[in-house]
Amino acid sequence: MAGTHALPPIWNIPYRRNPFFTGHEDTLRNLYQAIQTESAAALTQPQGISGLGGIGKTQTAIEYAYRYRANYKAILWARSDSEGTLTSEFVAIAHLLGLSESDEQDRAIASK
């Protein structure tokens, strides 16, 4: 496990690692393999975790971010509870990355 590695330079995961996380090893391994397989391509296909509420999707995503953080230069998190929340999250990410779009008056432009 990557417990002693420092966080990537660009990191906005809003949660601490759960020291009691268990299970979902197959999901973590499959997700890692899918992302690594896709990384050879110029553009990777997004990966997702889906399922009923309460089965551990968020905790699995958090664990993935911490477990494999040494493999990435940046790890970004965006909440998508609503369109407005997602737009705000994209604006915050633009600021974090120092993108010129982060200064746009119209948040819809910055989130595209």
PDB file of N, CA and C in Angstrom:
ATOM      1  N   MET A   1       0.844  -1.179   0.000  1.00  0.00           N
ATOM      2  CA  MET A   1       0.000   0.000   0.000  1.00  0.00           C
ATOM      3  C   MET A   1       0.886   1.238   0.000  1.00  0.00           C
ATOM      4  N   ALA A   2       0.405   2.313  -0.559  1.00  0.00           N
ATOM      5  CA  ALA A   2       1.203   3.523  -0.730  1.00  0.00           C
ATOM      6  C   ALA A   2       1.069   4.458   0.470  1.00  0.00           C
ATOM      7  N   GLY A   3       1.198   3.938   1.685  1.00  0.00           N
ATOM      8  CA  GLY A   3       0.952   4.719   2.881  1.00  0.00           C
ATOM      9  C   GLY A   3       1.997   5.773   3.190  1.00  0.00           C
ATOM     10  N   THR A   4       3.220   5.596   2.709  1.00  0.00           N
ATOM     11  CA  THR A   4       4.281   6.528   3.059  1.00  0.00           C
ATOM     12  C   THR A   4       4.556   7.556   1.981  1.00  0.00           C
ATOM     13  N   HIS A   5       3.868   7.488   0.878  1.00  0.00           N
ATOM     14  CA  HIS A   5       4.088   8.432  -0.214  1.00  0.00           C
ATOM     15  C   HIS A   5       3.445   9.776   0.094  1.00  0.00           C
ATOM     16  N   ALA A   6       4.079  10.818  -0.369  1.00  0.00           N
ATOM     17  CA  ALA A   6       3.512  12.162  -0.221  1.00  0.00           C
ATOM     18  C   ALA A   6       2.354  12.325  -1.196  1.00  0.00           C
ATOM     19  N   LEU A   7       1.532  13.303  -0.921  1.00  0.00           N
ATOM     20  CA  LEU A   7       0.428  13.600  -1.830  1.00  0.00           C
ATOM     21  C   LEU A   7       0.977  14.222  -3.106  1.00  0.00           C
ATOM     22  N   PRO A   8       0.279  14.047  -4.247  1.00  0.00           N
ATOM     23  CA  PRO A   8       0.707  14.709  -5.478  1.00  0.00           C
ATOM     24  C   PRO A   8       0.682  16.222  -5.282  1.00  0.00           C
ATOM     25  N   PRO A   9       1.445  16.957  -6.097  1.00  0.00           N
ATOM     26  CA  PRO A   9       1.469  18.419  -5.976  1.00  0.00           C
ATOM     27  C   PRO A   9       0.089  19.064  -6.122  1.00  0.00           C
ATOM     28  N   ILE A  10      -0.753  18.488  -6.956  1.00  0.00           N
ATOM     29  CA  ILE A  10      -2.110  19.018  -7.133  1.00  0.00           C
ATOM     30  C   ILE A  10      -3.066  17.969  -6.582  1.00  0.00           C
ATOM     31  N   TRP A  11      -3.724  18.327  -5.484  1.00  0.00           N
ATOM     32  CA  TRP A  11      -4.567  17.376  -4.737  1.00  0.00           C
ATOM     33  C   TRP A  11      -5.696  18.159  -4.092  1.00  0.00           C
ATOM     34  N   ASN A  12      -6.928  17.793  -4.365  1.00  0.00           N
ATOM     35  CA  ASN A  12      -8.036  18.475  -3.704  1.00  0.00           C
ATOM     36  C   ASN A  12      -9.072  17.501  -3.141  1.00  0.00           C
ATOM     37  N   ILE A  13      -8.631  16.306  -2.767  1.00  0.00           N
ATOM     38  CA  ILE A  13      -9.541  15.337  -2.170  1.00  0.00           C
ATOM     39  C   ILE A  13      -9.993  15.893  -0.820  1.00  0.00           C
ATOM     40  N   PRO A  14     -11.302  16.095  -0.631  1.00  0.00           N
ATOM     41  CA  PRO A  14     -11.777  16.750   0.590  1.00  0.00           C
ATOM     42  C   PRO A  14     -11.948  15.810   1.782  1.00  0.00           C
ATOM     43  N   TYR A  15     -11.457  14.586   1.672  1.00  0.00           N
ATOM     44  CA  TYR A  15     -11.640  13.602   2.733  1.00  0.00           C
ATOM     45  C   TYR A  15     -10.300  12.995   3.143  1.00  0.00           C
ATOM     46  N   ARG A  16     -10.214  12.640   4.402  1.00  0.00           N
ATOM     47  CA  ARG A  16      -9.046  11.890   4.875  1.00  0.00           C
ATOM     48  C   ARG A  16      -9.240  10.424   4.524  1.00  0.00           C
ATOM     49  N   ARG A  17      -8.124   9.718   4.465  1.00  0.00           N
ATOM     50  CA  ARG A  17      -8.185   8.291   4.201  1.00  0.00           C
ATOM     51  C   ARG A  17      -8.851   7.580   5.376  1.00  0.00           C
ATOM     52  N   ASN A  18      -9.689   6.611   5.074  1.00  0.00           N
ATOM     53  CA  ASN A  18     -10.385   5.836   6.095  1.00  0.00           C
ATOM     54  C   ASN A  18      -9.478   4.686   6.539  1.00  0.00           C
ATOM     55  N   PRO A  19      -8.961   4.746   7.773  1.00  0.00           N
ATOM     56  CA  PRO A  19      -8.058   3.678   8.224  1.00  0.00           C
ATOM     57  C   PRO A  19      -8.783   2.336   8.400  1.00  0.00           C
ATOM     58  N   PHE A  20     -10.109   2.345   8.381  1.00  0.00           N
ATOM     59  CA  PHE A  20     -10.886   1.121   8.564  1.00  0.00           C
ATOM     60  C   PHE A  20     -11.454   0.585   7.252  1.00  0.00           C
ATOM     61  N   PHE A  21     -11.004   1.141   6.126  1.00  0.00           N
ATOM     62  CA  PHE A  21     -11.504   0.701   4.821  1.00  0.00           C
ATOM     63  C   PHE A  21     -11.142  -0.765   4.612  1.00  0.00           C
ATOM     64  N   THR A  22     -12.150  -1.547   4.239  1.00  0.00           N
ATOM     65  CA  THR A  22     -11.920  -2.958   3.902  1.00  0.00           C
ATOM     66  C   THR A  22     -12.796  -3.312   2.713  1.00  0.00           C
ATOM     67  N   GLY A  23     -12.432  -4.371   2.058  1.00  0.00           N
ATOM     68  CA  GLY A  23     -13.229  -4.852   0.939  1.00  0.00           C
ATOM     69  C   GLY A  23     -12.974  -4.069  -0.332  1.00  0.00           C
ATOM     70  N   HIS A  24     -13.770  -4.352  -1.315  1.00  0.00           N
ATOM     71  CA  HIS A  24     -13.709  -3.681  -2.615  1.00  0.00           C
ATOM     72  C   HIS A  24     -12.348  -3.842  -3.305  1.00  0.00           C
ATOM     73  N   GLU A  25     -11.579  -4.852  -2.888  1.00  0.00           N
ATOM     74  CA  GLU A  25     -10.255  -5.054  -3.493  1.00  0.00           C
ATOM     75  C   GLU A  25     -10.356  -5.323  -4.989  1.00  0.00           C
ATOM     76  N   ASP A  26     -11.344  -6.113  -5.392  1.00  0.00           N
ATOM     77  CA  ASP A  26     -11.527  -6.391  -6.823  1.00  0.00           C
ATOM     78  C   ASP A  26     -11.849  -5.115  -7.586  1.00  0.00           C
ATOM     79  N   THR A  27     -12.707  -4.287  -7.009  1.00  0.00           N
ATOM     80  CA  THR A  27     -13.076  -3.023  -7.657  1.00  0.00           C
ATOM     81  C   THR A  27     -11.854  -2.130  -7.802  1.00  0.00           C
ATOM     82  N   LEU A  28     -11.067  -2.002  -6.744  1.00  0.00           N
ATOM     83  CA  LEU A  28      -9.855  -1.173  -6.791  1.00  0.00           C
ATOM     84  C   LEU A  28      -8.861  -1.701  -7.828  1.00  0.00           C
ATOM     85  N   ARG A  29      -8.646  -3.000  -7.835  1.00  0.00           N
ATOM     86  CA  ARG A  29      -7.707  -3.614  -8.778  1.00  0.00           C
ATOM     87  C   ARG A  29      -8.200  -3.438 -10.220  1.00  0.00           C
ATOM     88  N   ASN A  30      -9.502  -3.674 -10.454  1.00  0.00           N
ATOM     89  CA  ASN A  30     -10.057  -3.527 -11.805  1.00  0.00           C
ATOM     90  C   ASN A  30      -9.991  -2.081 -12.282  1.00  0.00           C
ATOM     91  N   LEU A  31     -10.292  -1.157 -11.400  1.00  0.00           N
ATOM     92  CA  LEU A  31     -10.221   0.261 -11.744  1.00  0.00           C
ATOM     93  C   LEU A  31      -8.790   0.656 -12.088  1.00  0.00           C
ATOM     94  N   TYR A  32      -7.841   0.231 -11.272  1.00  0.00           N
ATOM     95  CA  TYR A  32      -6.426   0.533 -11.526  1.00  0.00           C
ATOM     96  C   TYR A  32      -5.982  -0.044 -12.875  1.00  0.00           C
ATOM     97  N   GLN A  33      -6.341  -1.299 -13.127  1.00  0.00           N
ATOM     98  CA  GLN A  33      -5.947  -1.929 -14.393  1.00  0.00           C
ATOM     99  C   GLN A  33      -6.581  -1.234 -15.582  1.00  0.00           C
ATOM    100  N   ALA A  34      -7.845  -0.828 -15.461  1.00  0.00           N
ATOM    101  CA  ALA A  34      -8.521  -0.140 -16.568  1.00  0.00           C
ATOM    102  C   ALA A  34      -7.859   1.198 -16.850  1.00  0.00           C
ATOM    103  N   ILE A  35      -7.520   1.922 -15.811  1.00  0.00           N
ATOM    104  CA  ILE A  35      -6.888   3.237 -15.999  1.00  0.00           C
ATOM    105  C   ILE A  35      -5.483   3.080 -16.549  1.00  0.00           C
ATOM    106  N   GLN A  36      -4.722   2.107 -16.065  1.00  0.00           N
ATOM    107  CA  GLN A  36      -3.365   1.894 -16.555  1.00  0.00           C
ATOM    108  C   GLN A  36      -3.370   1.438 -18.004  1.00  0.00           C
ATOM    109  N   THR A  37      -4.323   0.595 -18.377  1.00  0.00           N
ATOM    110  CA  THR A  37      -4.439   0.140 -19.762  1.00  0.00           C
ATOM    111  C   THR A  37      -4.745   1.309 -20.674  1.00  0.00           C
ATOM    112  N   GLU A  38      -5.632   2.189 -20.230  1.00  0.00           N
ATOM    113  CA  GLU A  38      -6.025   3.342 -21.029  1.00  0.00           C
ATOM    114  C   GLU A  38      -4.940   4.413 -21.084  1.00  0.00           C
ATOM    115  N   SER A  39      -4.008   4.433 -20.109  1.00  0.00           N
ATOM    116  CA  SER A  39      -3.040   5.518 -20.037  1.00  0.00           C
ATOM    117  C   SER A  39      -2.092   5.560 -21.232  1.00  0.00           C
ATOM    118  N   ALA A  40      -1.997   4.471 -21.962  1.00  0.00           N
ATOM    119  CA  ALA A  40      -1.140   4.463 -23.135  1.00  0.00           C
ATOM    120  C   ALA A  40      -1.735   5.292 -24.271  1.00  0.00           C
ATOM    121  N   ALA A  41      -3.025   5.487 -24.239  1.00  0.00           N
ATOM    122  CA  ALA A  41      -3.689   6.276 -25.278  1.00  0.00           C
ATOM    123  C   ALA A  41      -3.548   7.760 -24.980  1.00  0.00           C
ATOM    124  N   ALA A  42      -3.677   8.567 -26.023  1.00  0.00           N
ATOM    125  CA  ALA A  42      -3.576  10.016 -25.845  1.00  0.00           C
ATOM    126  C   ALA A  42      -4.684  10.539 -24.944  1.00  0.00           C
ATOM    127  N   LEU A  43      -5.880  10.041 -25.131  1.00  0.00           N
ATOM    128  CA  LEU A  43      -7.016  10.426 -24.293  1.00  0.00           C
ATOM    129  C   LEU A  43      -7.553   9.171 -23.628  1.00  0.00           C
ATOM    130  N   THR A  44      -7.692   9.207 -22.326  1.00  0.00           N
ATOM    131  CA  THR A  44      -8.204   8.033 -21.632  1.00  0.00           C
ATOM    132  C   THR A  44      -9.712   8.120 -21.493  1.00  0.00           C
ATOM    133  N   GLN A  45     -10.315   6.994 -21.391  1.00  0.00           N
ATOM    134  CA  GLN A  45     -11.748   6.914 -21.162  1.00  0.00           C
ATOM    135  C   GLN A  45     -12.000   7.101 -19.672  1.00  0.00           C
ATOM    136  N   PRO A  46     -12.990   7.916 -19.304  1.00  0.00           N
ATOM    137  CA  PRO A  46     -13.292   8.077 -17.880  1.00  0.00           C
ATOM    138  C   PRO A  46     -13.777   6.761 -17.288  1.00  0.00           C
ATOM    139  N   GLN A  47     -13.474   6.561 -16.050  1.00  0.00           N
ATOM    140  CA  GLN A  47     -13.922   5.381 -15.327  1.00  0.00           C
ATOM    141  C   GLN A  47     -14.897   5.828 -14.254  1.00  0.00           C
ATOM    142  N   GLY A  48     -15.795   4.965 -13.874  1.00  0.00           N
ATOM    143  CA  GLY A  48     -16.777   5.322 -12.859  1.00  0.00           C
ATOM    144  C   GLY A  48     -17.079   4.150 -11.953  1.00  0.00           C
ATOM    145  N   ILE A  49     -17.581   4.475 -10.779  1.00  0.00           N
ATOM    146  CA  ILE A  49     -18.041   3.475  -9.825  1.00  0.00           C
ATOM    147  C   ILE A  49     -19.530   3.736  -9.646  1.00  0.00           C
ATOM    148  N   SER A  50     -20.346   2.726  -9.878  1.00  0.00           N
ATOM    149  CA  SER A  50     -21.785   2.931  -9.760  1.00  0.00           C
ATOM    150  C   SER A  50     -22.388   1.865  -8.856  1.00  0.00           C
ATOM    151  N   GLY A  51     -23.561   2.169  -8.362  1.00  0.00           N
ATOM    152  CA  GLY A  51     -24.274   1.209  -7.526  1.00  0.00           C
ATOM    153  C   GLY A  51     -25.235   1.932  -6.613  1.00  0.00           C
ATOM    154  N   LEU A  52     -25.942   1.155  -5.834  1.00  0.00           N
ATOM    155  CA  LEU A  52     -26.918   1.697  -4.902  1.00  0.00           C
ATOM    156  C   LEU A  52     -26.229   2.539  -3.830  1.00  0.00           C
ATOM    157  N   GLY A  53     -26.990   3.450  -3.240  1.00  0.00           N
ATOM    158  CA  GLY A  53     -26.466   4.268  -2.157  1.00  0.00           C
ATOM    159  C   GLY A  53     -26.050   3.413  -0.965  1.00  0.00           C
ATOM    160  N   GLY A  54     -24.948   3.789  -0.349  1.00  0.00           N
ATOM    161  CA  GLY A  54     -24.513   3.124   0.872  1.00  0.00           C
ATOM    162  C   GLY A  54     -23.638   1.899   0.688  1.00  0.00           C
ATOM    163  N   ILE A  55     -23.231   1.611  -0.564  1.00  0.00           N
ATOM    164  CA  ILE A  55     -22.406   0.408  -0.760  1.00  0.00           C
ATOM    165  C   ILE A  55     -20.911   0.702  -0.730  1.00  0.00           C
ATOM    166  N   GLY A  56     -20.541   1.982  -0.592  1.00  0.00           N
ATOM    167  CA  GLY A  56     -19.131   2.311  -0.442  1.00  0.00           C
ATOM    168  C   GLY A  56     -18.464   2.922  -1.656  1.00  0.00           C
ATOM    169  N   LYS A  57     -19.231   3.510  -2.550  1.00  0.00           N
ATOM    170  CA  LYS A  57     -18.636   4.101  -3.763  1.00  0.00           C
ATOM    171  C   LYS A  57     -17.667   5.229  -3.425  1.00  0.00           C
ATOM    172  N   THR A  58     -18.102   6.148  -2.566  1.00  0.00           N
ATOM    173  CA  THR A  58     -17.245   7.277  -2.209  1.00  0.00           C
ATOM    174  C   THR A  58     -16.004   6.789  -1.474  1.00  0.00           C
ATOM    175  N   GLN A  59     -16.171   5.890  -0.525  1.00  0.00           N
ATOM    176  CA  GLN A  59     -15.024   5.373   0.215  1.00  0.00           C
ATOM    177  C   GLN A  59     -14.050   4.631  -0.704  1.00  0.00           C
ATOM    178  N   THR A  60     -14.580   3.934  -1.697  1.00  0.00           N
ATOM    179  CA  THR A  60     -13.722   3.234  -2.663  1.00  0.00           C
ATOM    180  C   THR A  60     -12.934   4.244  -3.496  1.00  0.00           C
ATOM    181  N   ALA A  61     -13.588   5.310  -3.936  1.00  0.00           N
ATOM    182  CA  ALA A  61     -12.894   6.342  -4.718  1.00  0.00           C
ATOM    183  C   ALA A  61     -11.816   7.024  -3.874  1.00  0.00           C
ATOM    184  N   ILE A  62     -12.129   7.301  -2.620  1.00  0.00           N
ATOM    185  CA  ILE A  62     -11.143   7.916  -1.721  1.00  0.00           C
ATOM    186  C   ILE A  62      -9.954   6.981  -1.533  1.00  0.00           C
ATOM    187  N   GLU A  63     -10.238   5.715  -1.290  1.00  0.00           N
ATOM    188  CA  GLU A  63      -9.158   4.738  -1.095  1.00  0.00           C
ATOM    189  C   GLU A  63      -8.299   4.644  -2.344  1.00  0.00           C
ATOM    190  N   TYR A  64      -8.927   4.635  -3.518  1.00  0.00           N
ATOM    191  CA  TYR A  64      -8.165   4.588  -4.770  1.00  0.00           C
ATOM    192  C   TYR A  64      -7.219   5.784  -4.855  1.00  0.00           C
ATOM    193  N   ALA A  65      -7.727   6.960  -4.562  1.00  0.00           N
ATOM    194  CA  ALA A  65      -6.903   8.172  -4.654  1.00  0.00           C
ATOM    195  C   ALA A  65      -5.688   8.086  -3.744  1.00  0.00           C
ATOM    196  N   TYR A  66      -5.881   7.648  -2.521  1.00  0.00           N
ATOM    197  CA  TYR A  66      -4.759   7.539  -1.585  1.00  0.00           C
ATOM    198  C   TYR A  66      -3.833   6.370  -1.929  1.00  0.00           C
ATOM    199  N   ARG A  67      -4.401   5.251  -2.300  1.00  0.00           N
ATOM    200  CA  ARG A  67      -3.591   4.063  -2.565  1.00  0.00           C
ATOM    201  C   ARG A  67      -2.670   4.245  -3.766  1.00  0.00           C
ATOM    202  N   TYR A  68      -3.163   4.909  -4.807  1.00  0.00           N
ATOM    203  CA  TYR A  68      -2.392   5.030  -6.043  1.00  0.00           C
ATOM    204  C   TYR A  68      -1.870   6.439  -6.293  1.00  0.00           C
ATOM    205  N   ARG A  69      -1.841   7.280  -5.276  1.00  0.00           N
ATOM    206  CA  ARG A  69      -1.441   8.676  -5.435  1.00  0.00           C
ATOM    207  C   ARG A  69      -0.044   8.855  -6.011  1.00  0.00           C
ATOM    208  N   ALA A  70       0.852   7.925  -5.763  1.00  0.00           N
ATOM    209  CA  ALA A  70       2.219   8.041  -6.283  1.00  0.00           C
ATOM    210  C   ALA A  70       2.264   7.916  -7.805  1.00  0.00           C
ATOM    211  N   ASN A  71       1.204   7.409  -8.405  1.00  0.00           N
ATOM    212  CA  ASN A  71       1.164   7.211  -9.856  1.00  0.00           C
ATOM    213  C   ASN A  71       0.697   8.443 -10.619  1.00  0.00           C
ATOM    214  N   TYR A  72       0.304   9.505  -9.895  1.00  0.00           N
ATOM    215  CA  TYR A  72      -0.311  10.657 -10.532  1.00  0.00           C
ATOM    216  C   TYR A  72       0.363  11.959 -10.136  1.00  0.00           C
ATOM    217  N   LYS A  73       0.375  12.914 -11.062  1.00  0.00           N
ATOM    218  CA  LYS A  73       0.858  14.266 -10.787  1.00  0.00           C
ATOM    219  C   LYS A  73      -0.243  15.128 -10.194  1.00  0.00           C
ATOM    220  N   ALA A  74      -1.485  14.763 -10.466  1.00  0.00           N
ATOM    221  CA  ALA A  74      -2.632  15.521  -9.967  1.00  0.00           C
ATOM    222  C   ALA A  74      -3.788  14.571  -9.718  1.00  0.00           C
ATOM    223  N   ILE A  75      -4.491  14.819  -8.618  1.00  0.00           N
ATOM    224  CA  ILE A  75      -5.718  14.087  -8.334  1.00  0.00           C
ATOM    225  C   ILE A  75      -6.756  15.122  -7.937  1.00  0.00           C
ATOM    226  N   LEU A  76      -7.827  15.168  -8.706  1.00  0.00           N
ATOM    227  CA  LEU A  76      -8.855  16.194  -8.521  1.00  0.00           C
ATOM    228  C   LEU A  76     -10.194  15.552  -8.181  1.00  0.00           C
ATOM    229  N   TRP A  77     -10.942  16.204  -7.324  1.00  0.00           N
ATOM    230  CA  TRP A  77     -12.245  15.720  -6.875  1.00  0.00           C
ATOM    231  C   TRP A  77     -13.279  16.792  -7.178  1.00  0.00           C
ATOM    232  N   ALA A  78     -14.407  16.400  -7.737  1.00  0.00           N
ATOM    233  CA  ALA A  78     -15.496  17.344  -7.991  1.00  0.00           C
ATOM    234  C   ALA A  78     -16.809  16.722  -7.547  1.00  0.00           C
ATOM    235  N   ARG A  79     -17.520  17.425  -6.692  1.00  0.00           N
ATOM    236  CA  ARG A  79     -18.855  16.993  -6.287  1.00  0.00           C
ATOM    237  C   ARG A  79     -19.828  17.355  -7.401  1.00  0.00           C
ATOM    238  N   SER A  80     -20.839  16.522  -7.584  1.00  0.00           N
ATOM    239  CA  SER A  80     -21.802  16.787  -8.657  1.00  0.00           C
ATOM    240  C   SER A  80     -23.232  16.596  -8.175  1.00  0.00           C
ATOM    241  N   ASP A  81     -23.502  17.062  -6.965  1.00  0.00           N
ATOM    242  CA  ASP A  81     -24.846  16.950  -6.396  1.00  0.00           C
ATOM    243  C   ASP A  81     -25.885  17.650  -7.260  1.00  0.00           C
ATOM    244  N   SER A  82     -25.465  18.722  -7.907  1.00  0.00           N
ATOM    245  CA  SER A  82     -26.349  19.477  -8.791  1.00  0.00           C
ATOM    246  C   SER A  82     -25.487  20.125  -9.864  1.00  0.00           C
ATOM    247  N   GLU A  83     -26.130  20.683 -10.868  1.00  0.00           N
ATOM    248  CA  GLU A  83     -25.380  21.372 -11.925  1.00  0.00           C
ATOM    249  C   GLU A  83     -24.613  22.560 -11.350  1.00  0.00           C
ATOM    250  N   GLY A  84     -25.243  23.298 -10.440  1.00  0.00           N
ATOM    251  CA  GLY A  84     -24.584  24.449  -9.817  1.00  0.00           C
ATOM    252  C   GLY A  84     -23.375  24.045  -8.996  1.00  0.00           C
ATOM    253  N   THR A  85     -23.498  22.937  -8.256  1.00  0.00           N
ATOM    254  CA  THR A  85     -22.359  22.442  -7.469  1.00  0.00           C
ATOM    255  C   THR A  85     -21.218  22.042  -8.387  1.00  0.00           C
ATOM    256  N   LEU A  86     -21.534  21.319  -9.443  1.00  0.00           N
ATOM    257  CA  LEU A  86     -20.494  20.881 -10.372  1.00  0.00           C
ATOM    258  C   LEU A  86     -19.810  22.072 -11.032  1.00  0.00           C
ATOM    259  N   THR A  87     -20.580  23.070 -11.410  1.00  0.00           N
ATOM    260  CA  THR A  87     -20.001  24.280 -11.999  1.00  0.00           C
ATOM    261  C   THR A  87     -19.050  24.947 -11.005  1.00  0.00           C
ATOM    262  N   SER A  88     -19.469  25.063  -9.764  1.00  0.00           N
ATOM    263  CA  SER A  88     -18.608  25.659  -8.723  1.00  0.00           C
ATOM    264  C   SER A  88     -17.338  24.842  -8.534  1.00  0.00           C
ATOM    265  N   GLU A  89     -17.476  23.547  -8.562  1.00  0.00           N
ATOM    266  CA  GLU A  89     -16.305  22.667  -8.405  1.00  0.00           C
ATOM    267  C   GLU A  89     -15.325  22.854  -9.569  1.00  0.00           C
ATOM    268  N   PHE A  90     -15.846  22.968 -10.792  1.00  0.00           N
ATOM    269  CA  PHE A  90     -14.974  23.188 -11.950  1.00  0.00           C
ATOM    270  C   PHE A  90     -14.260  24.533 -11.857  1.00  0.00           C
ATOM    271  N   VAL A  91     -14.951  25.545 -11.364  1.00  0.00           N
ATOM    272  CA  VAL A  91     -14.322  26.849 -11.184  1.00  0.00           C
ATOM    273  C   VAL A  91     -13.203  26.739 -10.144  1.00  0.00           C
ATOM    274  N   ALA A  92     -13.453  26.032  -9.046  1.00  0.00           N
ATOM    275  CA  ALA A  92     -12.429  25.844  -8.013  1.00  0.00           C
ATOM    276  C   ALA A  92     -11.225  25.083  -8.571  1.00  0.00           C
ATOM    277  N   ILE A  93     -11.478  24.093  -9.403  1.00  0.00           N
ATOM    278  CA  ILE A  93     -10.382  23.341 -10.025  1.00  0.00           C
ATOM    279  C   ILE A  93      -9.595  24.241 -10.979  1.00  0.00           C
ATOM    280  N   ALA A  94     -10.291  25.078 -11.731  1.00  0.00           N
ATOM    281  CA  ALA A  94      -9.603  26.022 -12.630  1.00  0.00           C
ATOM    282  C   ALA A  94      -8.682  26.936 -11.822  1.00  0.00           C
ATOM    283  N   HIS A  95      -9.156  27.415 -10.662  1.00  0.00           N
ATOM    284  CA  HIS A  95      -8.304  28.236  -9.790  1.00  0.00           C
ATOM    285  C   HIS A  95      -7.098  27.439  -9.311  1.00  0.00           C
ATOM    286  N   LEU A  96      -7.341  26.210  -8.843  1.00  0.00           N
ATOM    287  CA  LEU A  96      -6.278  25.349  -8.342  1.00  0.00           C
ATOM    288  C   LEU A  96      -5.200  25.121  -9.405  1.00  0.00           C
ATOM    289  N   LEU A  97      -5.633  24.973 -10.648  1.00  0.00           N
ATOM    290  CA  LEU A  97      -4.701  24.719 -11.749  1.00  0.00           C
ATOM    291  C   LEU A  97      -4.120  26.001 -12.351  1.00  0.00           C
ATOM    292  N   GLY A  98      -4.617  27.153 -11.891  1.00  0.00           N
ATOM    293  CA  GLY A  98      -4.115  28.422 -12.403  1.00  0.00           C
ATOM    294  C   GLY A  98      -4.539  28.697 -13.834  1.00  0.00           C
ATOM    295  N   LEU A  99      -5.690  28.192 -14.222  1.00  0.00           N
ATOM    296  CA  LEU A  99      -6.170  28.405 -15.583  1.00  0.00           C
ATOM    297  C   LEU A  99      -6.763  29.797 -15.726  1.00  0.00           C
ATOM    298  N   SER A 100      -6.562  30.411 -16.873  1.00  0.00           N
ATOM    299  CA  SER A 100      -7.084  31.755 -17.085  1.00  0.00           C
ATOM    300  C   SER A 100      -8.604  31.782 -17.023  1.00  0.00           C
ATOM    301  N   GLU A 101      -9.254  30.663 -17.346  1.00  0.00           N
ATOM    302  CA  GLU A 101     -10.708  30.602 -17.316  1.00  0.00           C
ATOM    303  C   GLU A 101     -11.256  30.781 -15.907  1.00  0.00           C
ATOM    304  N   SER A 102     -10.432  30.590 -14.887  1.00  0.00           N
ATOM    305  CA  SER A 102     -10.913  30.692 -13.509  1.00  0.00           C
ATOM    306  C   SER A 102     -11.323  32.113 -13.157  1.00  0.00           C
ATOM    307  N   ASP A 103     -10.875  33.101 -13.934  1.00  0.00           N
ATOM    308  CA  ASP A 103     -11.224  34.492 -13.673  1.00  0.00           C
ATOM    309  C   ASP A 103     -12.455  34.954 -14.443  1.00  0.00           C
ATOM    310  N   GLU A 104     -13.049  34.056 -15.212  1.00  0.00           N
ATOM    311  CA  GLU A 104     -14.218  34.416 -16.018  1.00  0.00           C
ATOM    312  C   GLU A 104     -15.365  34.864 -15.130  1.00  0.00           C
ATOM    313  N   GLN A 105     -16.028  35.927 -15.530  1.00  0.00           N
ATOM    314  CA  GLN A 105     -17.188  36.412 -14.809  1.00  0.00           C
ATOM    315  C   GLN A 105     -18.324  35.398 -14.867  1.00  0.00           C
ATOM    316  N   ASP A 106     -18.491  34.785 -16.010  1.00  0.00           N
ATOM    317  CA  ASP A 106     -19.569  33.824 -16.196  1.00  0.00           C
ATOM    318  C   ASP A 106     -19.035  32.423 -15.880  1.00  0.00           C
ATOM    319  N   ARG A 107     -19.501  31.842 -14.795  1.00  0.00           N
ATOM    320  CA  ARG A 107     -19.019  30.530 -14.363  1.00  0.00           C
ATOM    321  C   ARG A 107     -19.291  29.450 -15.400  1.00  0.00           C
ATOM    322  N   ALA A 108     -20.304  29.613 -16.219  1.00  0.00           N
ATOM    323  CA  ALA A 108     -20.614  28.621 -17.249  1.00  0.00           C
ATOM    324  C   ALA A 108     -19.478  28.527 -18.249  1.00  0.00           C
ATOM    325  N   ILE A 109     -18.816  29.645 -18.547  1.00  0.00           N
ATOM    326  CA  ILE A 109     -17.679  29.637 -19.467  1.00  0.00           C
ATOM    327  C   ILE A 109     -16.510  28.902 -18.814  1.00  0.00           C
ATOM    328  N   ALA A 110     -16.266  29.163 -17.545  1.00  0.00           N
ATOM    329  CA  ALA A 110     -15.144  28.540 -16.851  1.00  0.00           C
ATOM    330  C   ALA A 110     -15.317  27.034 -16.711  1.00  0.00           C
ATOM    331  N   SER A 111     -16.545  26.568 -16.678  1.00  0.00           N
ATOM    332  CA  SER A 111     -16.776  25.130 -16.462  1.00  0.00           C
ATOM    333  C   SER A 111     -16.771  24.316 -17.747  1.00  0.00           C
ATOM    334  N   LYS A 112     -16.587  24.964 -18.895  1.00  0.00           N
ATOM    335  CA  LYS A 112     -16.595  24.227 -20.161  1.00  0.00           C
ATOM    336  C   LYS A 112     -15.211  23.754 -20.524  1.00  0.00           C
TER     337      LYS A 112
END
